[in-house]
Amino acid sequence: MGFTASYVLPGGRVGVKYFSSREEMEAWKRAHPGGKLLNIREKKPRNVRDIPPRPPSPDEVLRRKYGIGLKEIQDIVNSSKSQPEAIAKLRKRLTGSTKYDPRYHELEVVLTQAWDAREHPYIPDAKKKYEDTLRSMVVRNTKGFYSDGKRILPKPEPKPIPTPKPRPVLEKLERNTGVKSVPEPEPKPTIVATRVPTNAEPHTVHTTAVQQGRGIDLRKVGLGLLGLAVLYYFMRRG
């Protein structure tokens, strides 16, 4: 928190000055005897934007990882008559031998792309591949950055996990729903398995007994035969 004040010096000079603290104002008064501070107002500091981190240059990455700068690689390319000669000079500079060393494969890729960009200055793709190779090397060897194809940008910070909203209190729930009290859910009855004793009597099923059929009625049979005989007699007679 700072302060702004109008000052008047003994010689008649006036102006406005910003003080970062009251101690600074007291020091000004001691340094200017006879001066006066008027209209002292408290002033909030200006909002300072966060400055994003600067990505390292390809030269810084090469020097930190391999101990050789980008300018030295470019000098090897410019002083060589062919690409194999440039690669041999680079290997000789790094290991003292012209044999391939997989530890420096990334450097040989950079040198190859630099050679193509020098040999084909009128081909846009050659220069673009060289620049893409340098950006990829920086991103691959530096944490917290990514490439959008044109620039090296800092990775955005992950968004914080939102905290769950608190459940509404009972008073707010009653005001919104009109229910004065929310009854707690009744517990479900517990089911207790009972064991049937082995000596229990079996359950008997009562069924209706089927009545047996009656015997043949001989009187009805006799009357039937008699009727047939009488009918036969009258038929013969007629």
Protein backbone atom coordinates (compact mmCIF):
# COMPACT_ATOMS: atom_id res chain seq x y z
CA MET A 1 0.00 0.00 0.00
CA GLY A 2 1.45 3.40 -1.02
CA PHE A 3 0.65 7.08 -0.64
CA THR A 4 0.47 10.08 -2.95
CA ALA A 5 1.02 13.58 -1.63
CA SER A 6 1.46 17.09 -2.95
CA TYR A 7 4.65 18.72 -1.72
CA VAL A 8 5.66 22.37 -1.35
CA LEU A 9 9.33 23.25 -0.99
CA PRO A 10 10.65 26.46 0.65
CA GLY A 11 11.67 27.87 -2.72
CA GLY A 12 8.07 27.67 -3.96
CA ARG A 13 8.47 24.50 -5.97
CA VAL A 14 5.38 22.27 -5.92
CA GLY A 15 4.68 18.79 -7.24
CA VAL A 16 3.17 15.37 -6.57
CA LYS A 17 5.18 12.43 -5.28
CA TYR A 18 4.45 8.76 -4.61
CA PHE A 19 5.63 7.17 -1.37
CA SER A 20 5.61 3.40 -0.90
CA SER A 21 5.39 3.65 2.91
CA ARG A 22 5.09 6.13 5.76
CA GLU A 23 8.76 5.60 6.59
CA GLU A 24 9.62 6.91 3.14
CA MET A 25 7.52 10.01 3.78
CA GLU A 26 9.31 10.66 7.06
CA ALA A 27 12.65 10.26 5.31
CA TRP A 28 11.56 12.83 2.69
CA LYS A 29 10.61 15.31 5.41
CA ARG A 30 14.01 14.92 7.05
CA ALA A 31 15.74 15.38 3.69
CA HIS A 32 13.71 18.52 2.89
CA PRO A 33 13.49 20.69 6.04
CA GLY A 34 10.79 23.29 5.66
CA GLY A 35 8.95 21.27 3.01
CA LYS A 36 5.32 20.41 3.45
CA LEU A 37 3.24 17.43 2.31
CA LEU A 38 -0.39 18.16 1.47
CA ASN A 39 -3.36 16.05 0.34
CA ILE A 40 -1.86 12.75 1.46
CA ARG A 41 -3.92 9.95 -0.04
CA GLU A 42 -3.62 6.22 0.21
CA LYS A 43 -3.07 4.55 -3.12
CA LYS A 44 -3.25 0.86 -3.96
CA PRO A 45 -0.39 -0.57 -6.00
CA ARG A 46 -1.03 -1.32 -9.62
CA ASN A 47 -1.80 -4.83 -10.68
CA VAL A 48 1.36 -6.40 -12.01
CA ARG A 49 0.80 -9.14 -14.57
CA ASP A 50 2.66 -12.39 -14.17
CA ILE A 51 5.52 -12.56 -16.62
CA PRO A 52 5.51 -15.99 -18.31
CA PRO A 53 8.75 -17.95 -18.10
CA ARG A 54 11.10 -17.55 -21.04
CA PRO A 55 12.00 -20.75 -22.88
CA PRO A 56 15.72 -21.41 -23.28
CA SER A 57 17.28 -20.87 -26.68
CA PRO A 58 18.54 -23.81 -28.76
CA ASP A 59 22.09 -22.61 -28.13
CA GLU A 60 21.56 -22.77 -24.35
CA VAL A 61 20.11 -26.28 -24.57
CA LEU A 62 23.00 -27.55 -26.71
CA ARG A 63 25.63 -26.05 -24.42
CA ARG A 64 23.97 -27.43 -21.31
CA LYS A 65 23.53 -30.96 -22.67
CA TYR A 66 26.41 -31.47 -25.11
CA GLY A 67 28.89 -28.68 -24.37
CA ILE A 68 28.75 -27.31 -27.91
CA GLY A 69 26.91 -24.23 -29.14
CA LEU A 70 24.72 -23.71 -32.15
CA LYS A 71 27.19 -21.22 -33.63
CA GLU A 72 29.94 -23.85 -33.56
CA ILE A 73 27.71 -26.31 -35.41
CA GLN A 74 26.96 -23.64 -37.99
CA ASP A 75 30.71 -23.00 -38.39
CA ILE A 76 31.28 -26.73 -39.03
CA VAL A 77 28.57 -26.68 -41.71
CA ASN A 78 29.98 -23.57 -43.39
CA SER A 79 33.55 -24.91 -43.41
CA SER A 80 32.65 -28.32 -44.87
CA LYS A 81 32.40 -29.22 -48.55
CA SER A 82 29.96 -32.10 -48.07
CA GLN A 83 27.52 -33.40 -45.52
CA PRO A 84 29.61 -36.52 -44.63
CA GLU A 85 32.60 -34.27 -44.04
CA ALA A 86 30.55 -32.06 -41.69
CA ILE A 87 29.32 -35.10 -39.74
CA ALA A 88 32.89 -36.43 -39.47
CA LYS A 89 34.10 -33.07 -38.12
CA LEU A 90 31.29 -33.03 -35.56
CA ARG A 91 32.09 -36.55 -34.36
CA LYS A 92 35.78 -35.68 -34.17
CA ARG A 93 34.91 -32.60 -32.12
CA LEU A 94 32.73 -34.55 -29.66
CA THR A 95 34.49 -37.91 -29.18
CA GLY A 96 37.81 -37.59 -30.98
CA SER A 97 36.77 -40.30 -33.44
CA THR A 98 34.71 -40.46 -36.62
CA LYS A 99 32.68 -43.46 -35.41
CA TYR A 100 28.96 -43.11 -34.80
CA ASP A 101 27.95 -42.57 -31.18
CA PRO A 102 24.22 -42.91 -30.41
CA ARG A 103 24.54 -40.45 -27.53
CA TYR A 104 25.01 -37.61 -30.04
CA HIS A 105 22.37 -38.66 -32.53
CA GLU A 106 20.32 -35.55 -31.77
CA LEU A 107 23.28 -33.33 -32.63
CA GLU A 108 23.79 -35.08 -35.96
CA VAL A 109 20.12 -34.52 -36.82
CA VAL A 110 20.52 -30.80 -36.07
CA LEU A 111 23.66 -30.64 -38.21
CA THR A 112 21.95 -32.48 -41.09
CA GLN A 113 19.00 -30.08 -41.07
CA ALA A 114 21.38 -27.10 -40.88
CA TRP A 115 23.25 -28.46 -43.92
CA ASP A 116 20.03 -28.87 -45.92
CA ALA A 117 18.92 -25.34 -45.01
CA ARG A 118 22.26 -23.96 -46.22
CA GLU A 119 22.37 -26.00 -49.43
CA HIS A 120 18.74 -25.24 -50.36
CA PRO A 121 18.13 -21.64 -49.26
CA TYR A 122 15.32 -21.17 -51.80
CA ILE A 123 13.31 -24.16 -50.60
CA PRO A 124 11.05 -23.05 -47.73
CA ASP A 125 10.58 -26.58 -46.42
CA ALA A 126 14.32 -27.01 -45.78
CA LYS A 127 14.50 -23.98 -43.51
CA LYS A 128 11.19 -24.87 -41.85
CA LYS A 129 12.40 -28.40 -41.02
CA TYR A 130 15.55 -26.94 -39.48
CA GLU A 131 13.53 -24.57 -37.28
CA ASP A 132 11.10 -27.35 -36.31
CA THR A 133 14.04 -29.55 -35.33
CA LEU A 134 15.43 -26.85 -33.04
CA ARG A 135 12.03 -26.27 -31.39
CA SER A 136 11.51 -29.99 -30.87
CA MET A 137 14.95 -30.28 -29.30
CA VAL A 138 14.21 -27.46 -26.85
CA VAL A 139 10.81 -28.89 -25.87
CA ARG A 140 12.21 -32.40 -25.51
CA ASN A 141 15.01 -31.28 -23.19
CA THR A 142 13.11 -28.64 -21.18
CA LYS A 143 10.18 -29.29 -18.87
CA GLY A 144 7.13 -27.06 -18.79
CA PHE A 145 7.08 -26.01 -22.46
CA TYR A 146 5.39 -27.13 -25.66
CA SER A 147 5.50 -26.10 -29.31
CA ASP A 148 2.49 -25.00 -31.32
CA GLY A 149 4.39 -25.37 -34.59
CA LYS A 150 5.59 -21.76 -34.64
CA ARG A 151 6.58 -20.81 -31.10
CA ILE A 152 7.68 -22.38 -27.84
CA LEU A 153 5.10 -21.62 -25.17
CA PRO A 154 4.87 -22.46 -21.45
CA LYS A 155 2.41 -25.20 -20.61
CA PRO A 156 -0.75 -23.91 -18.93
CA GLU A 157 -1.13 -24.74 -15.28
CA PRO A 158 -3.68 -27.47 -14.56
CA LYS A 159 -7.02 -26.16 -13.42
CA PRO A 160 -7.74 -26.73 -9.74
CA ILE A 161 -10.30 -29.36 -8.90
CA PRO A 162 -13.53 -27.57 -7.94
CA THR A 163 -14.58 -28.14 -4.37
CA PRO A 164 -17.98 -29.79 -4.00
CA LYS A 165 -20.76 -27.41 -3.16
CA PRO A 166 -22.03 -27.71 0.42
CA ARG A 167 -25.41 -29.34 0.85
CA PRO A 168 -28.25 -26.92 1.62
CA VAL A 169 -28.96 -26.46 5.28
CA LEU A 170 -32.27 -27.52 6.74
CA GLU A 171 -33.60 -23.96 6.98
CA LYS A 172 -33.00 -23.27 3.29
CA LEU A 173 -34.57 -26.59 2.38
CA GLU A 174 -37.63 -25.81 4.44
CA ARG A 175 -37.91 -22.37 2.84
CA ASN A 176 -37.70 -23.77 -0.69
CA THR A 177 -39.91 -26.81 -0.28
CA GLY A 178 -42.31 -25.69 2.44
CA VAL A 179 -41.66 -28.87 4.38
CA LYS A 180 -40.97 -28.06 8.01
CA SER A 181 -39.01 -31.16 8.74
CA VAL A 182 -37.55 -33.85 6.59
CA PRO A 183 -38.15 -37.22 8.20
CA GLU A 184 -35.34 -39.64 8.12
CA PRO A 185 -35.93 -42.71 5.99
CA GLU A 186 -37.21 -45.63 8.00
CA PRO A 187 -34.82 -48.53 8.18
CA LYS A 188 -35.79 -51.57 6.21
CA PRO A 189 -36.78 -54.61 8.27
CA THR A 190 -34.07 -57.13 8.57
CA ILE A 191 -34.77 -60.61 7.28
CA VAL A 192 -33.72 -63.31 9.73
CA ALA A 193 -33.47 -66.83 8.37
CA THR A 194 -35.07 -69.43 10.66
CA ARG A 195 -34.06 -73.05 10.66
CA VAL A 196 -36.80 -75.70 10.53
CA PRO A 197 -36.24 -78.43 13.15
CA THR A 198 -35.71 -81.91 11.78
CA ASN A 199 -38.21 -83.52 14.16
CA ALA A 200 -41.16 -81.43 12.93
CA GLU A 201 -44.27 -83.33 11.86
CA PRO A 202 -44.88 -83.43 8.10
CA HIS A 203 -47.78 -81.39 6.82
CA THR A 204 -50.72 -83.63 5.86
CA VAL A 205 -52.85 -82.80 2.85
CA HIS A 206 -56.54 -83.66 3.27
CA THR A 207 -58.13 -85.03 0.12
CA THR A 208 -61.72 -86.19 -0.56
CA ALA A 209 -61.95 -89.95 -0.88
CA VAL A 210 -63.43 -91.20 -4.12
CA GLN A 211 -66.61 -93.14 -3.50
CA GLN A 212 -66.68 -96.64 -4.84
CA GLY A 213 -69.28 -97.51 -7.54
CA ARG A 214 -72.42 -99.40 -6.61
CA GLY A 215 -73.28 -103.00 -7.80
CA ILE A 216 -75.59 -103.95 -10.80
CA ASP A 217 -79.34 -103.60 -10.10
CA LEU A 218 -80.91 -106.93 -11.22
CA ARG A 219 -84.47 -105.65 -11.00
CA LYS A 220 -83.89 -103.05 -13.64
CA VAL A 221 -82.29 -105.63 -15.88
CA GLY A 222 -85.25 -107.95 -15.50
CA LEU A 223 -87.80 -105.26 -16.26
CA GLY A 224 -85.87 -104.32 -19.38
CA LEU A 225 -85.85 -107.87 -20.67
CA LEU A 226 -89.56 -108.19 -19.96
CA GLY A 227 -90.32 -105.06 -21.93
CA LEU A 228 -88.36 -106.37 -24.91
CA ALA A 229 -90.27 -109.65 -24.82
CA VAL A 230 -93.64 -107.90 -24.78
CA LEU A 231 -92.60 -105.68 -27.68
CA TYR A 232 -91.44 -108.72 -29.69
CA TYR A 233 -94.75 -110.51 -29.02
CA PHE A 234 -96.89 -107.68 -30.34
CA MET A 235 -94.72 -107.28 -33.39
CA ARG A 236 -95.13 -110.96 -34.31
CA ARG A 237 -98.81 -110.83 -33.80
CA GLY A 238 -99.36 -107.81 -35.85
